[in-house]
PDB file of all heavy atoms in Angstrom:
ATOM      1  N   GLU A   1      16.944  17.364  -3.224  1.00  0.00           N
ATOM      2  CA  GLU A   1      17.547  16.679  -4.361  1.00  0.00           C
ATOM      3  C   GLU A   1      16.521  16.415  -5.468  1.00  0.00           C
ATOM      4  O   GLU A   1      15.317  16.330  -5.213  1.00  0.00           O
ATOM      5  CB  GLU A   1      18.164  15.351  -3.909  1.00  0.00           C
ATOM      6  CG  GLU A   1      19.104  15.453  -2.716  1.00  0.00           C
ATOM      7  CD  GLU A   1      20.426  16.138  -3.004  1.00  0.00           C
ATOM      8  OE1 GLU A   1      20.416  17.207  -3.638  1.00  0.00           O
ATOM      9  OE2 GLU A   1      21.470  15.609  -2.573  1.00  0.00           O
ATOM     10  N   PRO A   2      16.994  16.221  -6.709  1.00  0.00           N
ATOM     11  CA  PRO A   2      16.073  15.899  -7.804  1.00  0.00           C
ATOM     12  C   PRO A   2      15.540  14.483  -7.661  1.00  0.00           C
ATOM     13  O   PRO A   2      16.272  13.561  -7.301  1.00  0.00           O
ATOM     14  CB  PRO A   2      16.949  16.038  -9.052  1.00  0.00           C
ATOM     15  CG  PRO A   2      18.335  15.722  -8.573  1.00  0.00           C
ATOM     16  CD  PRO A   2      18.402  16.274  -7.173  1.00  0.00           C
ATOM     17  N   ALA A   3      14.248  14.318  -7.953  1.00  0.00           N
ATOM     18  CA  ALA A   3      13.606  13.005  -7.817  1.00  0.00           C
ATOM     19  C   ALA A   3      12.539  12.853  -8.878  1.00  0.00           C
ATOM     20  O   ALA A   3      11.819  13.808  -9.191  1.00  0.00           O
ATOM     21  CB  ALA A   3      12.992  12.848  -6.424  1.00  0.00           C
ATOM     22  N   GLY A   4      12.453  11.656  -9.434  1.00  0.00           N
ATOM     23  CA  GLY A   4      11.468  11.404 -10.477  1.00  0.00           C
ATOM     24  C   GLY A   4      10.769  10.077 -10.277  1.00  0.00           C
ATOM     25  O   GLY A   4      11.262   9.189  -9.562  1.00  0.00           O
ATOM     26  N   VAL A   5       9.611   9.949 -10.916  1.00  0.00           N
ATOM     27  CA  VAL A   5       8.788   8.741 -10.822  1.00  0.00           C
ATOM     28  C   VAL A   5       8.438   8.268 -12.220  1.00  0.00           C
ATOM     29  O   VAL A   5       8.184   9.076 -13.124  1.00  0.00           O
ATOM     30  CB  VAL A   5       7.500   9.024 -10.021  1.00  0.00           C
ATOM     31  CG1 VAL A   5       6.485   7.908 -10.188  1.00  0.00           C
ATOM     32  CG2 VAL A   5       7.821   9.224  -8.549  1.00  0.00           C
ATOM     33  N   VAL A   6       8.442   6.941 -12.383  1.00  0.00           N
ATOM     34  CA  VAL A   6       8.022   6.330 -13.641  1.00  0.00           C
ATOM     35  C   VAL A   6       7.088   5.164 -13.307  1.00  0.00           C
ATOM     36  O   VAL A   6       7.282   4.486 -12.286  1.00  0.00           O
ATOM     37  CB  VAL A   6       9.248   5.839 -14.453  1.00  0.00           C
ATOM     38  CG1 VAL A   6       9.927   4.663 -13.777  1.00  0.00           C
ATOM     39  CG2 VAL A   6       8.890   5.502 -15.882  1.00  0.00           C
ATOM     40  N   PRO A   7       6.035   4.934 -14.101  1.00  0.00           N
ATOM     41  CA  PRO A   7       5.160   3.789 -13.823  1.00  0.00           C
ATOM     42  C   PRO A   7       5.896   2.474 -14.058  1.00  0.00           C
ATOM     43  O   PRO A   7       6.702   2.363 -14.981  1.00  0.00           O
ATOM     44  CB  PRO A   7       4.002   3.970 -14.812  1.00  0.00           C
ATOM     45  CG  PRO A   7       4.547   4.831 -15.899  1.00  0.00           C
ATOM     46  CD  PRO A   7       5.561   5.722 -15.262  1.00  0.00           C
ATOM     47  N   TRP A   8       5.603   1.469 -13.223  1.00  0.00           N
ATOM     48  CA  TRP A   8       6.291   0.190 -13.356  1.00  0.00           C
ATOM     49  C   TRP A   8       5.330  -0.981 -13.539  1.00  0.00           C
ATOM     50  O   TRP A   8       5.519  -1.830 -14.393  1.00  0.00           O
ATOM     51  CB  TRP A   8       7.185  -0.068 -12.138  1.00  0.00           C
ATOM     52  CG  TRP A   8       7.861  -1.396 -12.202  1.00  0.00           C
ATOM     53  CD1 TRP A   8       7.477  -2.557 -11.576  1.00  0.00           C
ATOM     54  CD2 TRP A   8       9.012  -1.732 -12.982  1.00  0.00           C
ATOM     55  NE1 TRP A   8       8.332  -3.586 -11.903  1.00  0.00           N
ATOM     56  CE2 TRP A   8       9.294  -3.111 -12.771  1.00  0.00           C
ATOM     57  CE3 TRP A   8       9.848  -1.003 -13.822  1.00  0.00           C
ATOM     58  CZ2 TRP A   8      10.358  -3.758 -13.382  1.00  0.00           C
ATOM     59  CZ3 TRP A   8      10.916  -1.647 -14.429  1.00  0.00           C
ATOM     60  CH2 TRP A   8      11.158  -3.014 -14.212  1.00  0.00           C
ATOM     61  N   THR A   9       4.290  -1.052 -12.730  1.00  0.00           N
ATOM     62  CA  THR A   9       3.420  -2.224 -12.750  1.00  0.00           C
ATOM     63  C   THR A   9       2.031  -1.829 -12.285  1.00  0.00           C
ATOM     64  O   THR A   9       1.721  -0.634 -12.148  1.00  0.00           O
ATOM     65  CB  THR A   9       4.001  -3.326 -11.832  1.00  0.00           C
ATOM     66  OG1 THR A   9       3.242  -4.534 -11.976  1.00  0.00           O
ATOM     67  CG2 THR A   9       3.989  -2.903 -10.378  1.00  0.00           C
ATOM     68  N   THR A  10       1.180  -2.817 -12.049  1.00  0.00           N
ATOM     69  CA  THR A  10      -0.117  -2.600 -11.417  1.00  0.00           C
ATOM     70  C   THR A  10      -0.271  -3.598 -10.278  1.00  0.00           C
ATOM     71  O   THR A  10       0.436  -4.613 -10.220  1.00  0.00           O
ATOM     72  CB  THR A  10      -1.284  -2.792 -12.413  1.00  0.00           C
ATOM     73  OG1 THR A  10      -1.224  -4.114 -12.958  1.00  0.00           O
ATOM     74  CG2 THR A  10      -1.226  -1.769 -13.540  1.00  0.00           C
ATOM     75  N   VAL A  11      -1.181  -3.314  -9.365  1.00  0.00           N
ATOM     76  CA  VAL A  11      -1.435  -4.221  -8.252  1.00  0.00           C
ATOM     77  C   VAL A  11      -2.075  -5.501  -8.794  1.00  0.00           C
ATOM     78  O   VAL A  11      -3.057  -5.457  -9.532  1.00  0.00           O
ATOM     79  CB  VAL A  11      -2.373  -3.581  -7.216  1.00  0.00           C
ATOM     80  CG1 VAL A  11      -2.603  -4.542  -6.049  1.00  0.00           C
ATOM     81  CG2 VAL A  11      -1.806  -2.257  -6.715  1.00  0.00           C
ATOM     82  N   ARG A  12      -1.501  -6.622  -8.434  1.00  0.00           N
ATOM     83  CA  ARG A  12      -2.018  -7.909  -8.894  1.00  0.00           C
ATOM     84  C   ARG A  12      -3.070  -8.457  -7.929  1.00  0.00           C
ATOM     85  O   ARG A  12      -3.050  -8.152  -6.736  1.00  0.00           O
ATOM     86  CB  ARG A  12      -0.869  -8.924  -8.996  1.00  0.00           C
ATOM     87  CG  ARG A  12       0.183  -8.574 -10.031  1.00  0.00           C
ATOM     88  CD  ARG A  12       1.358  -9.521  -9.920  1.00  0.00           C
ATOM     89  NE  ARG A  12       2.406  -9.202 -10.891  1.00  0.00           N
ATOM     90  CZ  ARG A  12       3.633  -9.717 -10.862  1.00  0.00           C
ATOM     91  NH1 ARG A  12       3.975 -10.569  -9.884  1.00  0.00           N
ATOM     92  NH2 ARG A  12       4.517  -9.377 -11.778  1.00  0.00           N
ATOM     93  N   VAL A  13      -3.968  -9.261  -8.485  1.00  0.00           N
ATOM     94  CA  VAL A  13      -4.901  -9.988  -7.641  1.00  0.00           C
ATOM     95  C   VAL A  13      -4.079 -10.897  -6.713  1.00  0.00           C
ATOM     96  O   VAL A  13      -3.168 -11.586  -7.155  1.00  0.00           O
ATOM     97  CB  VAL A  13      -5.876 -10.823  -8.490  1.00  0.00           C
ATOM     98  CG1 VAL A  13      -6.749 -11.695  -7.597  1.00  0.00           C
ATOM     99  CG2 VAL A  13      -6.730  -9.918  -9.361  1.00  0.00           C
ATOM    100  N   GLY A  14      -4.380 -10.862  -5.451  1.00  0.00           N
ATOM    101  CA  GLY A  14      -3.602 -11.624  -4.481  1.00  0.00           C
ATOM    102  C   GLY A  14      -2.620 -10.764  -3.716  1.00  0.00           C
ATOM    103  O   GLY A  14      -2.032 -11.206  -2.715  1.00  0.00           O
ATOM    104  N   GLU A  15      -2.427  -9.510  -4.171  1.00  0.00           N
ATOM    105  CA  GLU A  15      -1.527  -8.587  -3.462  1.00  0.00           C
ATOM    106  C   GLU A  15      -2.314  -7.605  -2.591  1.00  0.00           C
ATOM    107  O   GLU A  15      -1.749  -6.620  -2.118  1.00  0.00           O
ATOM    108  CB  GLU A  15      -0.666  -7.809  -4.460  1.00  0.00           C
ATOM    109  CG  GLU A  15       0.406  -8.647  -5.124  1.00  0.00           C
ATOM    110  CD  GLU A  15       1.299  -7.834  -6.043  1.00  0.00           C
ATOM    111  OE1 GLU A  15       0.770  -6.983  -6.794  1.00  0.00           O
ATOM    112  OE2 GLU A  15       2.530  -8.064  -6.040  1.00  0.00           O
ATOM    113  N   GLN A  16      -3.606  -7.886  -2.388  1.00  0.00           N
ATOM    114  CA  GLN A  16      -4.420  -6.953  -1.613  1.00  0.00           C
ATOM    115  C   GLN A  16      -4.429  -7.271  -0.121  1.00  0.00           C
ATOM    116  O   GLN A  16      -5.004  -6.512   0.658  1.00  0.00           O
ATOM    117  CB  GLN A  16      -5.875  -6.945  -2.103  1.00  0.00           C
ATOM    118  CG  GLN A  16      -6.009  -6.632  -3.587  1.00  0.00           C
ATOM    119  CD  GLN A  16      -6.320  -7.876  -4.390  1.00  0.00           C
ATOM    120  OE1 GLN A  16      -5.536  -8.816  -4.405  1.00  0.00           O
ATOM    121  NE2 GLN A  16      -7.458  -7.899  -5.043  1.00  0.00           N
ATOM    122  N   ASP A  17      -3.835  -8.380   0.260  1.00  0.00           N
ATOM    123  CA  ASP A  17      -3.806  -8.755   1.669  1.00  0.00           C
ATOM    124  C   ASP A  17      -2.417  -8.470   2.244  1.00  0.00           C
ATOM    125  O   ASP A  17      -1.399  -8.769   1.611  1.00  0.00           O
ATOM    126  CB  ASP A  17      -4.119 -10.243   1.846  1.00  0.00           C
ATOM    127  CG  ASP A  17      -5.524 -10.586   1.375  1.00  0.00           C
ATOM    128  OD1 ASP A  17      -6.420  -9.750   1.583  1.00  0.00           O
ATOM    129  OD2 ASP A  17      -5.703 -11.667   0.796  1.00  0.00           O
ATOM    130  N   GLU A  18      -2.376  -7.893   3.419  1.00  0.00           N
ATOM    131  CA  GLU A  18      -1.094  -7.640   4.072  1.00  0.00           C
ATOM    132  C   GLU A  18      -1.286  -7.629   5.582  1.00  0.00           C
ATOM    133  O   GLU A  18      -2.400  -7.562   6.091  1.00  0.00           O
ATOM    134  CB  GLU A  18      -0.487  -6.323   3.589  1.00  0.00           C
ATOM    135  CG  GLU A  18      -1.389  -5.114   3.723  1.00  0.00           C
ATOM    136  CD  GLU A  18      -0.696  -3.836   3.302  1.00  0.00           C
ATOM    137  OE1 GLU A  18       0.533  -3.756   3.452  1.00  0.00           O
ATOM    138  OE2 GLU A  18      -1.384  -2.923   2.840  1.00  0.00           O
ATOM    139  N   ASP A  19      -0.176  -7.689   6.273  1.00  0.00           N
ATOM    140  CA  ASP A  19      -0.192  -7.775   7.726  1.00  0.00           C
ATOM    141  C   ASP A  19       0.154  -6.409   8.314  1.00  0.00           C
ATOM    142  O   ASP A  19       1.277  -5.946   8.183  1.00  0.00           O
ATOM    143  CB  ASP A  19       0.811  -8.834   8.185  1.00  0.00           C
ATOM    144  CG  ASP A  19       0.792  -9.021   9.701  1.00  0.00           C
ATOM    145  OD1 ASP A  19      -0.247  -8.712  10.308  1.00  0.00           O
ATOM    146  OD2 ASP A  19       1.818  -9.454  10.254  1.00  0.00           O
ATOM    147  N   ARG A  20      -0.831  -5.766   8.919  1.00  0.00           N
ATOM    148  CA  ARG A  20      -0.624  -4.491   9.602  1.00  0.00           C
ATOM    149  C   ARG A  20      -1.439  -4.491  10.899  1.00  0.00           C
ATOM    150  O   ARG A  20      -2.446  -5.181  11.005  1.00  0.00           O
ATOM    151  CB  ARG A  20      -1.088  -3.309   8.739  1.00  0.00           C
ATOM    152  CG  ARG A  20      -0.268  -3.054   7.493  1.00  0.00           C
ATOM    153  CD  ARG A  20      -0.826  -1.843   6.741  1.00  0.00           C
ATOM    154  NE  ARG A  20      -0.185  -1.654   5.457  1.00  0.00           N
ATOM    155  CZ  ARG A  20       0.885  -0.896   5.249  1.00  0.00           C
ATOM    156  NH1 ARG A  20       1.435  -0.264   6.265  1.00  0.00           N
ATOM    157  NH2 ARG A  20       1.397  -0.772   4.043  1.00  0.00           N
ATOM    158  N   PRO A  21      -1.029  -3.680  11.876  1.00  0.00           N
ATOM    159  CA  PRO A  21      -1.821  -3.563  13.115  1.00  0.00           C
ATOM    160  C   PRO A  21      -3.210  -3.001  12.798  1.00  0.00           C
ATOM    161  O   PRO A  21      -3.327  -1.944  12.178  1.00  0.00           O
ATOM    162  CB  PRO A  21      -1.007  -2.575  13.968  1.00  0.00           C
ATOM    163  CG  PRO A  21       0.363  -2.604  13.386  1.00  0.00           C
ATOM    164  CD  PRO A  21       0.204  -2.879  11.931  1.00  0.00           C
ATOM    165  N   ARG A  22      -4.244  -3.686  13.237  1.00  0.00           N
ATOM    166  CA  ARG A  22      -5.600  -3.282  12.873  1.00  0.00           C
ATOM    167  C   ARG A  22      -6.213  -2.277  13.848  1.00  0.00           C
ATOM    168  O   ARG A  22      -7.264  -1.706  13.566  1.00  0.00           O
ATOM    169  CB  ARG A  22      -6.499  -4.517  12.753  1.00  0.00           C
ATOM    170  CG  ARG A  22      -6.093  -5.410  11.583  1.00  0.00           C
ATOM    171  CD  ARG A  22      -6.936  -6.655  11.462  1.00  0.00           C
ATOM    172  NE  ARG A  22      -6.483  -7.461  10.330  1.00  0.00           N
ATOM    173  CZ  ARG A  22      -6.954  -7.341   9.087  1.00  0.00           C
ATOM    174  NH1 ARG A  22      -7.878  -6.447   8.830  1.00  0.00           N
ATOM    175  NH2 ARG A  22      -6.495  -8.104   8.122  1.00  0.00           N
ATOM    176  N   ARG A  23      -5.580  -2.036  14.970  1.00  0.00           N
ATOM    177  CA  ARG A  23      -6.103  -1.032  15.901  1.00  0.00           C
ATOM    178  C   ARG A  23      -5.636   0.370  15.537  1.00  0.00           C
ATOM    179  O   ARG A  23      -6.274   1.351  15.897  1.00  0.00           O
ATOM    180  CB  ARG A  23      -5.669  -1.372  17.332  1.00  0.00           C
ATOM    181  CG  ARG A  23      -6.336  -2.616  17.914  1.00  0.00           C
ATOM    182  CD  ARG A  23      -5.847  -2.858  19.325  1.00  0.00           C
ATOM    183  NE  ARG A  23      -6.163  -1.731  20.219  1.00  0.00           N
ATOM    184  CZ  ARG A  23      -5.630  -1.564  21.414  1.00  0.00           C
ATOM    185  NH1 ARG A  23      -4.753  -2.447  21.881  1.00  0.00           N
ATOM    186  NH2 ARG A  23      -5.969  -0.528  22.163  1.00  0.00           N
ATOM    187  N   ASP A  24      -4.516   0.458  14.863  1.00  0.00           N
ATOM    188  CA  ASP A  24      -3.940   1.746  14.471  1.00  0.00           C
ATOM    189  C   ASP A  24      -4.749   2.308  13.295  1.00  0.00           C
ATOM    190  O   ASP A  24      -4.832   1.685  12.235  1.00  0.00           O
ATOM    191  CB  ASP A  24      -2.472   1.542  14.081  1.00  0.00           C
ATOM    192  CG  ASP A  24      -1.747   2.844  13.805  1.00  0.00           C
ATOM    193  OD1 ASP A  24      -2.295   3.683  13.071  1.00  0.00           O
ATOM    194  OD2 ASP A  24      -0.617   3.009  14.298  1.00  0.00           O
ATOM    195  N   ILE A  25      -5.347   3.478  13.459  1.00  0.00           N
ATOM    196  CA  ILE A  25      -6.216   4.043  12.420  1.00  0.00           C
ATOM    197  C   ILE A  25      -5.480   4.189  11.088  1.00  0.00           C
ATOM    198  O   ILE A  25      -6.008   3.833  10.031  1.00  0.00           O
ATOM    199  CB  ILE A  25      -6.771   5.412  12.873  1.00  0.00           C
ATOM    200  CG1 ILE A  25      -7.766   5.223  14.012  1.00  0.00           C
ATOM    201  CG2 ILE A  25      -7.460   6.127  11.711  1.00  0.00           C
ATOM    202  CD1 ILE A  25      -8.278   6.524  14.597  1.00  0.00           C
ATOM    203  N   SER A  26      -4.261   4.701  11.119  1.00  0.00           N
ATOM    204  CA  SER A  26      -3.501   4.890   9.881  1.00  0.00           C
ATOM    205  C   SER A  26      -3.213   3.558   9.200  1.00  0.00           C
ATOM    206  O   SER A  26      -3.338   3.429   7.979  1.00  0.00           O
ATOM    207  CB  SER A  26      -2.190   5.633  10.167  1.00  0.00           C
ATOM    208  OG  SER A  26      -2.445   6.942  10.635  1.00  0.00           O
ATOM    209  N   GLN A  27      -2.840   2.565   9.995  1.00  0.00           N
ATOM    210  CA  GLN A  27      -2.543   1.253   9.424  1.00  0.00           C
ATOM    211  C   GLN A  27      -3.817   0.567   8.930  1.00  0.00           C
ATOM    212  O   GLN A  27      -3.808  -0.147   7.919  1.00  0.00           O
ATOM    213  CB  GLN A  27      -1.830   0.379  10.453  1.00  0.00           C
ATOM    214  CG  GLN A  27      -0.495   0.927  10.925  1.00  0.00           C
ATOM    215  CD  GLN A  27       0.513   1.085   9.810  1.00  0.00           C
ATOM    216  OE1 GLN A  27       0.525   0.305   8.851  1.00  0.00           O
ATOM    217  NE2 GLN A  27       1.368   2.094   9.899  1.00  0.00           N
ATOM    218  N   LEU A  28      -4.932   0.786   9.641  1.00  0.00           N
ATOM    219  CA  LEU A  28      -6.208   0.233   9.194  1.00  0.00           C
ATOM    220  C   LEU A  28      -6.633   0.876   7.881  1.00  0.00           C
ATOM    221  O   LEU A  28      -7.130   0.195   6.976  1.00  0.00           O
ATOM    222  CB  LEU A  28      -7.281   0.451  10.265  1.00  0.00           C
ATOM    223  CG  LEU A  28      -8.676  -0.134   9.963  1.00  0.00           C
ATOM    224  CD1 LEU A  28      -8.588  -1.645   9.739  1.00  0.00           C
ATOM    225  CD2 LEU A  28      -9.641   0.195  11.096  1.00  0.00           C
ATOM    226  N   ARG A  29      -6.415   2.191   7.759  1.00  0.00           N
ATOM    227  CA  ARG A  29      -6.686   2.883   6.496  1.00  0.00           C
ATOM    228  C   ARG A  29      -5.835   2.299   5.367  1.00  0.00           C
ATOM    229  O   ARG A  29      -6.300   2.121   4.241  1.00  0.00           O
ATOM    230  CB  ARG A  29      -6.386   4.370   6.639  1.00  0.00           C
ATOM    231  CG  ARG A  29      -7.426   5.163   7.388  1.00  0.00           C
ATOM    232  CD  ARG A  29      -8.539   5.610   6.465  1.00  0.00           C
ATOM    233  NE  ARG A  29      -9.313   6.693   7.033  1.00  0.00           N
ATOM    234  CZ  ARG A  29     -10.288   7.310   6.412  1.00  0.00           C
ATOM    235  NH1 ARG A  29     -10.622   6.944   5.185  1.00  0.00           N
ATOM    236  NH2 ARG A  29     -10.954   8.292   6.988  1.00  0.00           N
ATOM    237  N   ALA A  30      -4.583   2.015   5.688  1.00  0.00           N
ATOM    238  CA  ALA A  30      -3.688   1.434   4.684  1.00  0.00           C
ATOM    239  C   ALA A  30      -4.184   0.065   4.243  1.00  0.00           C
ATOM    240  O   ALA A  30      -4.171  -0.265   3.044  1.00  0.00           O
ATOM    241  CB  ALA A  30      -2.266   1.341   5.240  1.00  0.00           C
ATOM    242  N   LEU A  31      -4.630  -0.753   5.204  1.00  0.00           N
ATOM    243  CA  LEU A  31      -5.172  -2.069   4.875  1.00  0.00           C
ATOM    244  C   LEU A  31      -6.378  -1.958   3.950  1.00  0.00           C
ATOM    245  O   LEU A  31      -6.483  -2.673   2.950  1.00  0.00           O
ATOM    246  CB  LEU A  31      -5.586  -2.794   6.160  1.00  0.00           C
ATOM    247  CG  LEU A  31      -4.485  -3.457   6.975  1.00  0.00           C
ATOM    248  CD1 LEU A  31      -5.029  -3.878   8.342  1.00  0.00           C
ATOM    249  CD2 LEU A  31      -3.924  -4.669   6.243  1.00  0.00           C
ATOM    250  N   ARG A  32      -7.278  -1.054   4.271  1.00  0.00           N
ATOM    251  CA  ARG A  32      -8.480  -0.871   3.454  1.00  0.00           C
ATOM    252  C   ARG A  32      -8.134  -0.319   2.083  1.00  0.00           C
ATOM    253  O   ARG A  32      -8.799  -0.622   1.089  1.00  0.00           O
ATOM    254  CB  ARG A  32      -9.454   0.052   4.185  1.00  0.00           C
ATOM    255  CG  ARG A  32     -10.073  -0.591   5.431  1.00  0.00           C
ATOM    256  CD  ARG A  32     -10.889   0.404   6.222  1.00  0.00           C
ATOM    257  NE  ARG A  32     -11.560  -0.238   7.356  1.00  0.00           N
ATOM    258  CZ  ARG A  32     -12.198   0.420   8.319  1.00  0.00           C
ATOM    259  NH1 ARG A  32     -12.250   1.746   8.290  1.00  0.00           N
ATOM    260  NH2 ARG A  32     -12.776  -0.241   9.304  1.00  0.00           N
ATOM    261  N   ASN A  33      -7.102   0.512   2.033  1.00  0.00           N
ATOM    262  CA  ASN A  33      -6.681   1.065   0.752  1.00  0.00           C
ATOM    263  C   ASN A  33      -6.157  -0.026  -0.173  1.00  0.00           C
ATOM    264  O   ASN A  33      -6.437  -0.065  -1.373  1.00  0.00           O
ATOM    265  CB  ASN A  33      -5.598   2.126   0.974  1.00  0.00           C
ATOM    266  CG  ASN A  33      -5.472   3.087  -0.182  1.00  0.00           C
ATOM    267  OD1 ASN A  33      -6.223   4.045  -0.281  1.00  0.00           O
ATOM    268  ND2 ASN A  33      -4.532   2.835  -1.091  1.00  0.00           N
TER     269      ASN A  33
END
């Protein structure tokens, strides 16, 4: 199907913390990202 992307916002200070499993390499990468 057709799909498009448009910019909306930027990451705000305070949005860098989240709850993910820290043993899972992919989730740990996501946390660090």
